[in-house]
């Protein structure tokens, strides 16, 4: 999801998305450890999505 789309979301929605992305990251890491992950790049993409979401959340706090 783009940062521009995230700016329209509420803080509760952003926090829920961070939680969901962290769960997804955990599952991807588990799949990687068991050898079931077909695309390891997904881990990097989810990490970036988490960082992007946290950045937007922080900007909303400062505003």
Protein backbone atom coordinates (compact mmCIF):
# COMPACT_ATOMS: atom_id res chain seq x y z
CA UNK A 1 0.00 0.00 0.00
CA UNK A 2 1.23 3.47 -0.82
CA UNK A 3 1.91 6.06 1.88
CA UNK A 4 -0.49 8.43 0.14
CA UNK A 5 -3.32 5.94 0.67
CA UNK A 6 -2.34 5.50 4.32
CA UNK A 7 -2.67 9.20 5.11
CA UNK A 8 -6.45 8.90 4.68
CA UNK A 9 -6.66 6.13 7.28
CA UNK A 10 -7.32 6.72 10.98
CA UNK A 11 -4.71 5.96 13.64
CA UNK A 12 -6.71 2.94 14.80
CA UNK A 13 -6.73 1.53 11.28
CA UNK A 14 -3.00 2.13 10.93
CA UNK A 15 -2.28 0.40 14.24
CA UNK A 16 -4.42 -2.54 13.18
CA UNK A 17 -2.53 -2.71 9.90
CA UNK A 18 0.83 -2.74 11.71
CA UNK A 19 -0.40 -5.60 13.85
CA UNK A 20 -1.63 -7.50 10.81
CA UNK A 21 1.66 -6.95 8.96
CA UNK A 22 3.68 -8.17 11.95
CA UNK A 23 1.62 -11.35 12.02
CA UNK A 24 2.19 -11.78 8.30
CA UNK A 25 5.94 -11.26 8.79
CA UNK A 26 5.99 -13.91 11.52
CA UNK A 27 4.23 -16.38 9.23
CA UNK A 28 6.63 -15.64 6.37
CA UNK A 29 9.65 -16.16 8.62
CA UNK A 30 8.16 -19.43 9.80
CA UNK A 31 7.65 -20.55 6.19
CA UNK A 32 11.24 -19.57 5.39
CA UNK A 33 12.56 -21.64 8.28
CA UNK A 34 10.58 -24.69 7.21
CA UNK A 35 11.50 -24.29 3.56
CA UNK A 36 7.97 -23.59 2.33
CA UNK A 37 8.47 -19.97 1.28
CA UNK A 38 8.50 -19.67 -2.50
CA UNK A 39 9.35 -15.95 -2.71
CA UNK A 40 11.81 -14.69 -0.04
CA UNK A 41 11.43 -11.13 -1.32
CA UNK A 42 8.04 -11.01 0.37
CA UNK A 43 9.78 -10.68 3.75
CA UNK A 44 11.52 -7.49 2.60
CA UNK A 45 8.31 -6.07 1.18
CA UNK A 46 6.38 -6.70 4.41
CA UNK A 47 9.17 -5.10 6.45
CA UNK A 48 9.00 -2.01 4.25
CA UNK A 49 5.22 -1.88 4.57
CA UNK A 50 5.57 -1.99 8.37
CA UNK A 51 8.11 0.84 8.30
CA UNK A 52 5.96 2.87 5.92
CA UNK A 53 2.91 2.44 8.13
CA UNK A 54 4.81 3.37 11.28
CA UNK A 55 6.18 6.47 9.56
CA UNK A 56 2.70 7.65 8.59
CA UNK A 57 1.49 6.91 12.12
CA UNK A 58 4.33 9.00 13.57
CA UNK A 59 3.59 11.88 11.22
CA UNK A 60 -0.04 11.85 12.33
CA UNK A 61 1.06 11.99 15.98
CA UNK A 62 3.23 15.03 15.34
CA UNK A 63 0.54 16.90 13.43
